[in-house]
Amino acid sequence: MSHPHTHSPGPSADASVRTGRTTDAPAVGLVQATVWTEAYADLLPREAVDQFEGPAFASVWRHSLEAPPTPVHRLLVACAGDQVVGFAAIAPADEAEPGVPAGAGELTVIAVHPDARRHGHGSRLLNAVGDTLRANDRTTLVSWLPATDEATRAFLDTAGLHPDGAWRERVVGPEGQTLREIRVQAGL
């Protein structure tokens, strides 16, 4: 006997993280422009935020992907199906900075498009960052973020990245305006 209200499971979300390719540059640029415009609108001078354009970011990413400065430099992308919805970039950390141990890697940026948040993409990206850095013999993860970015700070805190007491003022405006950043870190 057939049951008219029995449903087969629907398609599951095809979510993944992979190493970025040069062909991902336009999508990564769009995600970065969208996320940064949202995140920095109240933190940076208007003329700086107006410069956040997908094609400009895409050009920088394309160049970086074509000629990474070191083997540790890597772009990881989060995908929903074939669509790039987030990214994370890693690099060797500046071990000359006080408090940065030898063998540290840096998460230079992590971003997920606002329409794709709360689907696990950020967590998958952060896990892939840790795995990739460990595979490159890195033992510590550090990252800098705006002191007022409570959402990213809370996200990184749940992953074990905690403020280590370091802070810096980054020049962000044409007239010397600064943005305070704090450093978080965790052992890998």
N, C-alpha and C. Protein backbone atom coordinates (compact mmCIF):
# COMPACT_ATOMS: atom_id res chain seq x y z
N MET A 1 0.84 -1.17 0.00
CA MET A 1 0.00 0.00 0.00
C MET A 1 0.89 1.24 0.00
N SER A 2 0.54 2.15 -0.81
CA SER A 2 1.29 3.39 -0.95
C SER A 2 0.85 4.41 0.10
N HIS A 3 1.80 5.17 0.59
CA HIS A 3 1.50 6.23 1.56
C HIS A 3 1.71 7.58 0.86
N PRO A 4 0.62 8.26 0.58
CA PRO A 4 0.74 9.49 -0.20
C PRO A 4 1.54 10.59 0.50
N HIS A 5 1.67 10.52 1.82
CA HIS A 5 2.38 11.59 2.52
C HIS A 5 3.78 11.20 2.94
N THR A 6 4.26 10.08 2.47
CA THR A 6 5.63 9.68 2.77
C THR A 6 6.55 10.42 1.80
N HIS A 7 7.53 11.10 2.37
CA HIS A 7 8.45 11.87 1.54
C HIS A 7 9.85 11.27 1.62
N SER A 8 10.48 11.25 0.50
CA SER A 8 11.90 10.87 0.54
C SER A 8 12.68 12.08 1.01
N PRO A 9 13.82 11.83 1.62
CA PRO A 9 14.62 12.97 2.07
C PRO A 9 14.98 13.88 0.90
N GLY A 10 14.93 15.18 1.14
CA GLY A 10 15.29 16.14 0.10
C GLY A 10 16.79 16.16 -0.11
N PRO A 11 17.22 16.89 -1.09
CA PRO A 11 18.65 16.96 -1.33
C PRO A 11 19.35 17.61 -0.15
N SER A 12 20.48 17.07 0.22
CA SER A 12 21.24 17.66 1.32
C SER A 12 22.15 18.74 0.77
N ALA A 13 22.47 19.67 1.61
CA ALA A 13 23.35 20.76 1.20
C ALA A 13 24.71 20.20 0.85
N ASP A 14 25.24 20.63 -0.26
CA ASP A 14 26.57 20.22 -0.70
C ASP A 14 27.54 21.30 -0.24
N ALA A 15 28.04 21.17 0.99
CA ALA A 15 28.94 22.16 1.55
C ALA A 15 30.34 21.57 1.63
N SER A 16 31.32 22.36 1.25
CA SER A 16 32.70 21.87 1.26
C SER A 16 33.67 23.03 1.42
N VAL A 17 34.92 22.67 1.69
CA VAL A 17 36.03 23.63 1.70
C VAL A 17 37.12 23.03 0.83
N ARG A 18 37.71 23.86 0.01
CA ARG A 18 38.81 23.40 -0.84
C ARG A 18 39.82 24.53 -0.99
N THR A 19 40.96 24.20 -1.55
CA THR A 19 41.98 25.20 -1.85
C THR A 19 41.48 26.09 -2.98
N GLY A 20 41.69 27.40 -2.81
CA GLY A 20 41.25 28.35 -3.82
C GLY A 20 42.05 28.23 -5.11
N ARG A 21 41.37 28.56 -6.21
CA ARG A 21 41.98 28.56 -7.54
C ARG A 21 41.87 29.96 -8.14
N THR A 22 42.67 30.25 -9.13
CA THR A 22 42.61 31.59 -9.74
C THR A 22 41.21 31.89 -10.27
N THR A 23 40.49 30.88 -10.73
CA THR A 23 39.14 31.10 -11.23
C THR A 23 38.16 31.48 -10.12
N ASP A 24 38.56 31.30 -8.85
CA ASP A 24 37.71 31.70 -7.72
C ASP A 24 37.84 33.19 -7.40
N ALA A 25 38.83 33.87 -7.96
CA ALA A 25 39.11 35.25 -7.58
C ALA A 25 37.89 36.17 -7.68
N PRO A 26 37.09 36.14 -8.76
CA PRO A 26 35.93 37.03 -8.80
C PRO A 26 34.93 36.78 -7.67
N ALA A 27 34.66 35.52 -7.37
CA ALA A 27 33.72 35.20 -6.30
C ALA A 27 34.27 35.60 -4.94
N VAL A 28 35.55 35.36 -4.72
CA VAL A 28 36.18 35.74 -3.45
C VAL A 28 36.16 37.26 -3.31
N GLY A 29 36.45 37.97 -4.39
CA GLY A 29 36.41 39.43 -4.37
C GLY A 29 35.03 39.96 -4.02
N LEU A 30 34.00 39.34 -4.58
CA LEU A 30 32.62 39.74 -4.28
C LEU A 30 32.28 39.49 -2.81
N VAL A 31 32.63 38.30 -2.30
CA VAL A 31 32.36 37.99 -0.90
C VAL A 31 33.10 39.00 -0.01
N GLN A 32 34.38 39.26 -0.31
CA GLN A 32 35.15 40.18 0.52
C GLN A 32 34.55 41.58 0.49
N ALA A 33 34.19 42.08 -0.67
CA ALA A 33 33.60 43.43 -0.76
C ALA A 33 32.30 43.52 0.04
N THR A 34 31.47 42.49 -0.06
CA THR A 34 30.19 42.47 0.66
C THR A 34 30.41 42.43 2.17
N VAL A 35 31.25 41.52 2.62
CA VAL A 35 31.49 41.34 4.04
C VAL A 35 32.20 42.56 4.63
N TRP A 36 33.21 43.07 3.94
CA TRP A 36 33.96 44.20 4.49
C TRP A 36 33.12 45.48 4.51
N THR A 37 32.29 45.68 3.49
CA THR A 37 31.42 46.85 3.50
C THR A 37 30.50 46.81 4.71
N GLU A 38 29.95 45.64 4.99
CA GLU A 38 29.07 45.47 6.15
C GLU A 38 29.85 45.63 7.46
N ALA A 39 31.01 45.00 7.55
CA ALA A 39 31.76 44.97 8.81
C ALA A 39 32.43 46.29 9.16
N TYR A 40 32.87 47.01 8.15
CA TYR A 40 33.68 48.20 8.41
C TYR A 40 32.95 49.52 8.18
N ALA A 41 31.68 49.48 7.81
CA ALA A 41 30.93 50.71 7.51
C ALA A 41 30.99 51.72 8.65
N ASP A 42 30.93 51.25 9.89
CA ASP A 42 30.95 52.16 11.03
C ASP A 42 32.33 52.32 11.65
N LEU A 43 33.33 51.61 11.12
CA LEU A 43 34.66 51.64 11.71
C LEU A 43 35.67 52.44 10.90
N LEU A 44 35.46 52.48 9.59
CA LEU A 44 36.44 53.13 8.71
C LEU A 44 35.86 54.40 8.10
N PRO A 45 36.73 55.29 7.65
CA PRO A 45 36.25 56.47 6.94
C PRO A 45 35.47 56.06 5.69
N ARG A 46 34.44 56.83 5.37
CA ARG A 46 33.57 56.53 4.22
C ARG A 46 34.38 56.34 2.93
N GLU A 47 35.41 57.16 2.73
CA GLU A 47 36.20 57.05 1.49
C GLU A 47 36.94 55.72 1.42
N ALA A 48 37.28 55.14 2.56
CA ALA A 48 37.92 53.82 2.57
C ALA A 48 36.90 52.74 2.23
N VAL A 49 35.72 52.80 2.83
CA VAL A 49 34.68 51.79 2.57
C VAL A 49 34.23 51.85 1.12
N ASP A 50 34.20 53.04 0.54
CA ASP A 50 33.79 53.18 -0.87
C ASP A 50 34.75 52.47 -1.82
N GLN A 51 35.95 52.14 -1.35
CA GLN A 51 36.94 51.45 -2.19
C GLN A 51 36.73 49.94 -2.21
N PHE A 52 35.82 49.43 -1.38
CA PHE A 52 35.61 47.99 -1.29
C PHE A 52 34.77 47.52 -2.48
N GLU A 53 35.45 47.14 -3.55
CA GLU A 53 34.77 46.68 -4.75
C GLU A 53 35.27 45.30 -5.13
N GLY A 54 34.34 44.44 -5.51
CA GLY A 54 34.68 43.07 -5.88
C GLY A 54 35.79 42.94 -6.89
N PRO A 55 35.72 43.66 -8.03
CA PRO A 55 36.79 43.50 -9.03
C PRO A 55 38.17 43.89 -8.52
N ALA A 56 38.25 44.91 -7.68
CA ALA A 56 39.56 45.32 -7.14
C ALA A 56 40.11 44.22 -6.23
N PHE A 57 39.29 43.68 -5.34
CA PHE A 57 39.74 42.58 -4.48
C PHE A 57 40.07 41.36 -5.33
N ALA A 58 39.26 41.08 -6.35
CA ALA A 58 39.49 39.91 -7.21
C ALA A 58 40.85 39.99 -7.88
N SER A 59 41.24 41.17 -8.32
CA SER A 59 42.54 41.35 -8.98
C SER A 59 43.68 41.00 -8.02
N VAL A 60 43.57 41.44 -6.78
CA VAL A 60 44.61 41.14 -5.79
C VAL A 60 44.65 39.63 -5.52
N TRP A 61 43.47 39.01 -5.35
CA TRP A 61 43.44 37.56 -5.10
C TRP A 61 43.98 36.78 -6.28
N ARG A 62 43.64 37.20 -7.49
CA ARG A 62 44.14 36.49 -8.68
C ARG A 62 45.67 36.51 -8.69
N HIS A 63 46.25 37.68 -8.45
CA HIS A 63 47.71 37.79 -8.43
C HIS A 63 48.31 36.92 -7.32
N SER A 64 47.70 36.97 -6.14
CA SER A 64 48.20 36.18 -5.01
C SER A 64 48.13 34.69 -5.28
N LEU A 65 47.07 34.25 -5.94
CA LEU A 65 46.91 32.82 -6.26
C LEU A 65 47.88 32.38 -7.34
N GLU A 66 48.19 33.28 -8.27
CA GLU A 66 49.12 32.93 -9.35
C GLU A 66 50.56 32.85 -8.85
N ALA A 67 50.89 33.64 -7.82
CA ALA A 67 52.27 33.68 -7.32
C ALA A 67 52.29 33.83 -5.80
N PRO A 68 51.94 32.76 -5.06
CA PRO A 68 51.95 32.86 -3.60
C PRO A 68 53.36 33.17 -3.10
N PRO A 69 53.47 34.10 -2.12
CA PRO A 69 54.79 34.49 -1.61
C PRO A 69 55.56 33.34 -0.95
N THR A 70 54.86 32.41 -0.31
CA THR A 70 55.51 31.25 0.33
C THR A 70 54.60 30.04 0.16
N PRO A 71 55.13 28.84 0.41
CA PRO A 71 54.27 27.65 0.34
C PRO A 71 53.18 27.64 1.43
N VAL A 72 53.37 28.38 2.51
CA VAL A 72 52.36 28.42 3.58
C VAL A 72 51.19 29.32 3.20
N HIS A 73 51.42 30.33 2.36
CA HIS A 73 50.33 31.20 1.92
C HIS A 73 49.29 30.35 1.18
N ARG A 74 48.07 30.44 1.62
CA ARG A 74 47.03 29.61 1.01
C ARG A 74 45.70 30.32 1.13
N LEU A 75 44.88 30.17 0.12
CA LEU A 75 43.50 30.64 0.14
C LEU A 75 42.61 29.40 0.17
N LEU A 76 41.74 29.34 1.14
CA LEU A 76 40.76 28.26 1.24
C LEU A 76 39.39 28.85 0.98
N VAL A 77 38.55 28.14 0.23
CA VAL A 77 37.21 28.66 -0.07
C VAL A 77 36.16 27.69 0.43
N ALA A 78 35.09 28.26 0.97
CA ALA A 78 33.92 27.49 1.39
C ALA A 78 32.91 27.55 0.25
N CYS A 79 32.35 26.39 -0.08
CA CYS A 79 31.41 26.32 -1.19
C CYS A 79 30.08 25.73 -0.73
N ALA A 80 29.02 26.27 -1.29
CA ALA A 80 27.69 25.68 -1.19
C ALA A 80 27.40 25.22 -2.62
N GLY A 81 27.51 23.92 -2.84
CA GLY A 81 27.47 23.42 -4.21
C GLY A 81 28.71 23.92 -4.93
N ASP A 82 28.52 24.57 -6.07
CA ASP A 82 29.64 25.14 -6.82
C ASP A 82 29.91 26.60 -6.47
N GLN A 83 29.04 27.20 -5.66
CA GLN A 83 29.13 28.62 -5.34
C GLN A 83 30.08 28.90 -4.19
N VAL A 84 31.07 29.76 -4.40
CA VAL A 84 31.96 30.19 -3.32
C VAL A 84 31.18 31.15 -2.43
N VAL A 85 31.07 30.80 -1.15
CA VAL A 85 30.29 31.62 -0.20
C VAL A 85 31.15 32.17 0.93
N GLY A 86 32.41 31.76 0.99
CA GLY A 86 33.29 32.25 2.04
C GLY A 86 34.72 31.90 1.72
N PHE A 87 35.64 32.47 2.50
CA PHE A 87 37.04 32.18 2.27
C PHE A 87 37.85 32.48 3.53
N ALA A 88 39.02 31.90 3.57
CA ALA A 88 39.99 32.16 4.63
C ALA A 88 41.36 32.16 3.99
N ALA A 89 42.21 33.07 4.44
CA ALA A 89 43.58 33.13 3.92
C ALA A 89 44.55 32.93 5.07
N ILE A 90 45.60 32.17 4.80
CA ILE A 90 46.61 31.90 5.81
C ILE A 90 48.00 32.25 5.26
N ALA A 91 48.89 32.53 6.20
CA ALA A 91 50.26 32.90 5.86
C ALA A 91 51.15 32.56 7.05
N PRO A 92 52.45 32.60 6.88
CA PRO A 92 53.32 32.45 8.04
C PRO A 92 53.11 33.69 8.93
N ALA A 93 53.12 33.50 10.23
CA ALA A 93 52.99 34.63 11.15
C ALA A 93 54.33 35.35 11.25
N ASP A 94 54.26 36.61 11.62
CA ASP A 94 55.47 37.42 11.83
C ASP A 94 56.05 37.06 13.19
N GLU A 95 57.03 36.17 13.19
CA GLU A 95 57.62 35.69 14.44
C GLU A 95 58.47 36.74 15.13
N ALA A 96 58.69 37.87 14.45
CA ALA A 96 59.43 38.97 15.09
C ALA A 96 58.53 39.75 16.05
N GLU A 97 57.21 39.58 15.92
CA GLU A 97 56.28 40.26 16.83
C GLU A 97 56.40 39.64 18.22
N PRO A 98 56.47 40.47 19.25
CA PRO A 98 56.51 39.92 20.61
C PRO A 98 55.28 39.04 20.88
N GLY A 99 55.52 37.89 21.49
CA GLY A 99 54.43 36.99 21.84
C GLY A 99 54.03 36.01 20.76
N VAL A 100 54.65 36.08 19.59
CA VAL A 100 54.34 35.13 18.52
C VAL A 100 55.42 34.05 18.54
N PRO A 101 55.02 32.81 18.86
CA PRO A 101 56.02 31.75 18.95
C PRO A 101 56.54 31.32 17.58
N ALA A 102 57.73 30.75 17.59
CA ALA A 102 58.28 30.17 16.36
C ALA A 102 57.31 29.10 15.86
N GLY A 103 57.17 29.01 14.56
CA GLY A 103 56.29 28.00 13.98
C GLY A 103 54.83 28.40 13.97
N ALA A 104 54.54 29.69 14.06
CA ALA A 104 53.14 30.14 14.06
C ALA A 104 52.68 30.42 12.63
N GLY A 105 51.41 30.19 12.41
CA GLY A 105 50.75 30.56 11.16
C GLY A 105 49.70 31.60 11.48
N GLU A 106 49.39 32.43 10.49
CA GLU A 106 48.41 33.50 10.71
C GLU A 106 47.19 33.34 9.82
N LEU A 107 46.04 33.46 10.44
CA LEU A 107 44.78 33.58 9.71
C LEU A 107 44.66 35.06 9.39
N THR A 108 44.90 35.43 8.12
CA THR A 108 44.91 36.85 7.77
C THR A 108 43.51 37.39 7.53
N VAL A 109 42.59 36.52 7.12
CA VAL A 109 41.20 36.94 6.91
C VAL A 109 40.32 35.70 6.87
N ILE A 110 39.12 35.84 7.40
CA ILE A 110 38.09 34.81 7.25
C ILE A 110 36.78 35.56 7.06
N ALA A 111 36.01 35.15 6.07
CA ALA A 111 34.77 35.85 5.76
C ALA A 111 33.77 34.88 5.13
N VAL A 112 32.52 35.01 5.54
CA VAL A 112 31.42 34.25 4.94
C VAL A 112 30.34 35.25 4.53
N HIS A 113 29.85 35.11 3.31
CA HIS A 113 28.81 36.01 2.81
C HIS A 113 27.62 36.02 3.76
N PRO A 114 27.04 37.19 4.03
CA PRO A 114 25.91 37.27 4.98
C PRO A 114 24.77 36.30 4.65
N ASP A 115 24.50 36.05 3.38
CA ASP A 115 23.40 35.15 3.01
C ASP A 115 23.73 33.68 3.27
N ALA A 116 24.99 33.37 3.56
CA ALA A 116 25.41 31.97 3.76
C ALA A 116 25.83 31.68 5.21
N ARG A 117 25.61 32.63 6.08
CA ARG A 117 26.02 32.42 7.48
C ARG A 117 25.06 31.47 8.18
N ARG A 118 25.56 30.89 9.28
CA ARG A 118 24.79 29.97 10.13
C ARG A 118 24.53 28.63 9.43
N HIS A 119 25.41 28.28 8.50
CA HIS A 119 25.32 26.98 7.82
C HIS A 119 26.59 26.17 8.01
N GLY A 120 27.49 26.62 8.90
CA GLY A 120 28.70 25.87 9.19
C GLY A 120 29.90 26.19 8.33
N HIS A 121 29.76 27.12 7.39
CA HIS A 121 30.88 27.42 6.49
C HIS A 121 32.08 27.98 7.25
N GLY A 122 31.85 28.87 8.20
CA GLY A 122 32.95 29.44 8.98
C GLY A 122 33.69 28.38 9.77
N SER A 123 32.95 27.47 10.39
CA SER A 123 33.57 26.39 11.16
C SER A 123 34.37 25.46 10.26
N ARG A 124 33.82 25.14 9.09
CA ARG A 124 34.56 24.28 8.15
C ARG A 124 35.83 24.98 7.69
N LEU A 125 35.73 26.28 7.42
CA LEU A 125 36.92 27.02 7.01
C LEU A 125 37.97 27.01 8.11
N LEU A 126 37.56 27.28 9.34
CA LEU A 126 38.51 27.33 10.45
C LEU A 126 39.16 25.97 10.70
N ASN A 127 38.39 24.90 10.58
CA ASN A 127 38.96 23.55 10.70
C ASN A 127 39.98 23.29 9.60
N ALA A 128 39.67 23.71 8.38
CA ALA A 128 40.60 23.53 7.26
C ALA A 128 41.87 24.37 7.46
N VAL A 129 41.71 25.56 8.03
CA VAL A 129 42.88 26.40 8.34
C VAL A 129 43.81 25.65 9.29
N GLY A 130 43.24 25.11 10.37
CA GLY A 130 44.06 24.37 11.33
C GLY A 130 44.74 23.17 10.70
N ASP A 131 43.98 22.40 9.92
CA ASP A 131 44.55 21.22 9.26
C ASP A 131 45.68 21.61 8.30
N THR A 132 45.46 22.66 7.53
CA THR A 132 46.46 23.10 6.54
C THR A 132 47.71 23.61 7.23
N LEU A 133 47.56 24.39 8.30
CA LEU A 133 48.73 24.89 9.00
C LEU A 133 49.50 23.75 9.67
N ARG A 134 48.79 22.80 10.28
CA ARG A 134 49.47 21.64 10.89
C ARG A 134 50.24 20.86 9.83
N ALA A 135 49.65 20.71 8.65
CA ALA A 135 50.33 19.99 7.56
C ALA A 135 51.59 20.72 7.10
N ASN A 136 51.66 22.02 7.39
CA ASN A 136 52.85 22.82 7.07
C ASN A 136 53.72 23.04 8.31
N ASP A 137 53.59 22.12 9.28
CA ASP A 137 54.40 22.12 10.50
C ASP A 137 54.25 23.38 11.35
N ARG A 138 53.08 24.00 11.29
CA ARG A 138 52.80 25.16 12.15
C ARG A 138 52.18 24.64 13.44
N THR A 139 52.54 25.25 14.56
CA THR A 139 52.08 24.76 15.86
C THR A 139 51.16 25.74 16.59
N THR A 140 51.07 26.97 16.09
CA THR A 140 50.24 27.99 16.71
C THR A 140 49.52 28.76 15.61
N LEU A 141 48.29 29.17 15.90
CA LEU A 141 47.50 30.00 14.99
C LEU A 141 47.29 31.35 15.65
N VAL A 142 47.61 32.42 14.93
CA VAL A 142 47.35 33.78 15.41
C VAL A 142 46.48 34.50 14.39
N SER A 143 45.75 35.51 14.85
CA SER A 143 44.94 36.33 13.96
C SER A 143 44.71 37.68 14.61
N TRP A 144 44.62 38.71 13.79
CA TRP A 144 44.32 40.07 14.24
C TRP A 144 42.90 40.41 13.80
N LEU A 145 42.14 41.07 14.68
CA LEU A 145 40.80 41.49 14.31
C LEU A 145 40.47 42.80 15.00
N PRO A 146 39.55 43.57 14.41
CA PRO A 146 39.16 44.83 15.04
C PRO A 146 38.68 44.58 16.47
N ALA A 147 39.14 45.42 17.38
CA ALA A 147 38.79 45.25 18.79
C ALA A 147 37.28 45.28 19.01
N THR A 148 36.55 45.96 18.14
CA THR A 148 35.10 46.09 18.31
C THR A 148 34.30 45.00 17.58
N ASP A 149 34.97 44.09 16.89
CA ASP A 149 34.28 43.05 16.13
C ASP A 149 33.91 41.89 17.05
N GLU A 150 32.85 42.09 17.81
CA GLU A 150 32.44 41.10 18.81
C GLU A 150 31.99 39.78 18.19
N ALA A 151 31.35 39.83 17.02
CA ALA A 151 30.85 38.59 16.40
C ALA A 151 32.01 37.68 16.01
N THR A 152 33.02 38.22 15.32
CA THR A 152 34.16 37.40 14.92
C THR A 152 34.94 36.95 16.15
N ARG A 153 35.07 37.84 17.11
CA ARG A 153 35.80 37.49 18.33
C ARG A 153 35.11 36.33 19.05
N ALA A 154 33.78 36.37 19.15
CA ALA A 154 33.04 35.28 19.80
C ALA A 154 33.19 33.98 19.02
N PHE A 155 33.12 34.07 17.68
CA PHE A 155 33.27 32.88 16.84
C PHE A 155 34.65 32.26 17.05
N LEU A 156 35.71 33.09 17.00
CA LEU A 156 37.06 32.57 17.18
C LEU A 156 37.28 32.07 18.60
N ASP A 157 36.64 32.70 19.57
CA ASP A 157 36.75 32.28 20.97
C ASP A 157 36.20 30.86 21.15
N THR A 158 35.08 30.55 20.51
CA THR A 158 34.51 29.21 20.63
C THR A 158 35.42 28.16 20.01
N ALA A 159 36.29 28.59 19.10
CA ALA A 159 37.25 27.68 18.46
C ALA A 159 38.57 27.62 19.24
N GLY A 160 38.64 28.34 20.37
CA GLY A 160 39.84 28.27 21.20
C GLY A 160 40.85 29.38 20.96
N LEU A 161 40.54 30.33 20.09
CA LEU A 161 41.44 31.47 19.85
C LEU A 161 41.07 32.58 20.83
N HIS A 162 41.98 32.90 21.73
CA HIS A 162 41.70 33.87 22.78
C HIS A 162 42.66 35.05 22.69
N PRO A 163 42.23 36.24 23.10
CA PRO A 163 43.13 37.39 23.11
C PRO A 163 44.37 37.09 23.95
N ASP A 164 45.52 37.49 23.42
CA ASP A 164 46.78 37.23 24.13
C ASP A 164 47.37 38.51 24.74
N GLY A 165 46.60 39.59 24.71
CA GLY A 165 47.04 40.85 25.30
C GLY A 165 47.67 41.82 24.32
N ALA A 166 47.99 41.36 23.11
CA ALA A 166 48.61 42.24 22.12
C ALA A 166 47.54 43.05 21.40
N TRP A 167 47.87 44.28 21.07
CA TRP A 167 47.00 45.14 20.29
C TRP A 167 47.86 46.06 19.44
N ARG A 168 47.26 46.62 18.41
CA ARG A 168 47.96 47.57 17.55
C ARG A 168 46.96 48.55 16.97
N GLU A 169 47.47 49.67 16.53
CA GLU A 169 46.66 50.67 15.84
C GLU A 169 47.05 50.60 14.38
N ARG A 170 46.10 50.25 13.53
CA ARG A 170 46.36 50.16 12.09
C ARG A 170 45.84 51.43 11.42
N VAL A 171 46.69 52.05 10.62
CA VAL A 171 46.27 53.24 9.88
C VAL A 171 45.31 52.80 8.77
N VAL A 172 44.12 53.41 8.75
CA VAL A 172 43.08 52.98 7.81
C VAL A 172 42.51 54.13 6.98
N GLY A 173 42.92 55.33 7.27
CA GLY A 173 42.36 56.46 6.54
C GLY A 173 43.42 57.36 5.96
N PRO A 174 43.04 58.16 4.97
CA PRO A 174 43.99 59.03 4.29
C PRO A 174 44.55 60.13 5.20
N GLU A 175 43.86 60.39 6.29
CA GLU A 175 44.32 61.43 7.20
C GLU A 175 44.85 60.83 8.50
N GLY A 176 45.32 59.58 8.40
CA GLY A 176 45.94 58.94 9.56
C GLY A 176 44.96 58.33 10.56
N GLN A 177 43.69 58.19 10.18
CA GLN A 177 42.73 57.55 11.08
C GLN A 177 43.20 56.12 11.35
N THR A 178 42.99 55.66 12.59
CA THR A 178 43.44 54.32 12.95
C THR A 178 42.28 53.46 13.41
N LEU A 179 42.52 52.17 13.39
CA LEU A 179 41.59 51.17 13.85
C LEU A 179 42.35 50.27 14.82
N ARG A 180 41.85 50.14 16.03
CA ARG A 180 42.52 49.27 17.00
C ARG A 180 42.19 47.81 16.69
N GLU A 181 43.24 47.00 16.67
CA GLU A 181 43.09 45.56 16.47
C GLU A 181 43.67 44.83 17.66
N ILE A 182 43.09 43.68 17.96
CA ILE A 182 43.63 42.81 19.00
C ILE A 182 44.08 41.51 18.35
N ARG A 183 45.03 40.83 19.00
CA ARG A 183 45.52 39.57 18.48
C ARG A 183 44.94 38.43 19.33
N VAL A 184 44.51 37.37 18.64
CA VAL A 184 44.07 36.16 19.31
C VAL A 184 45.01 35.04 18.86
N GLN A 185 45.13 34.01 19.70
CA GLN A 185 45.96 32.89 19.29
C GLN A 185 45.55 31.62 20.01
N ALA A 186 45.94 30.51 19.42
CA ALA A 186 45.68 29.19 19.98
C ALA A 186 46.73 28.23 19.48
N GLY A 187 47.01 27.21 20.31
CA GLY A 187 47.91 26.15 19.86
C GLY A 187 47.18 25.25 18.89
N LEU A 188 47.94 24.70 17.95
CA LEU A 188 47.37 23.76 17.00
C LEU A 188 47.71 22.36 17.45
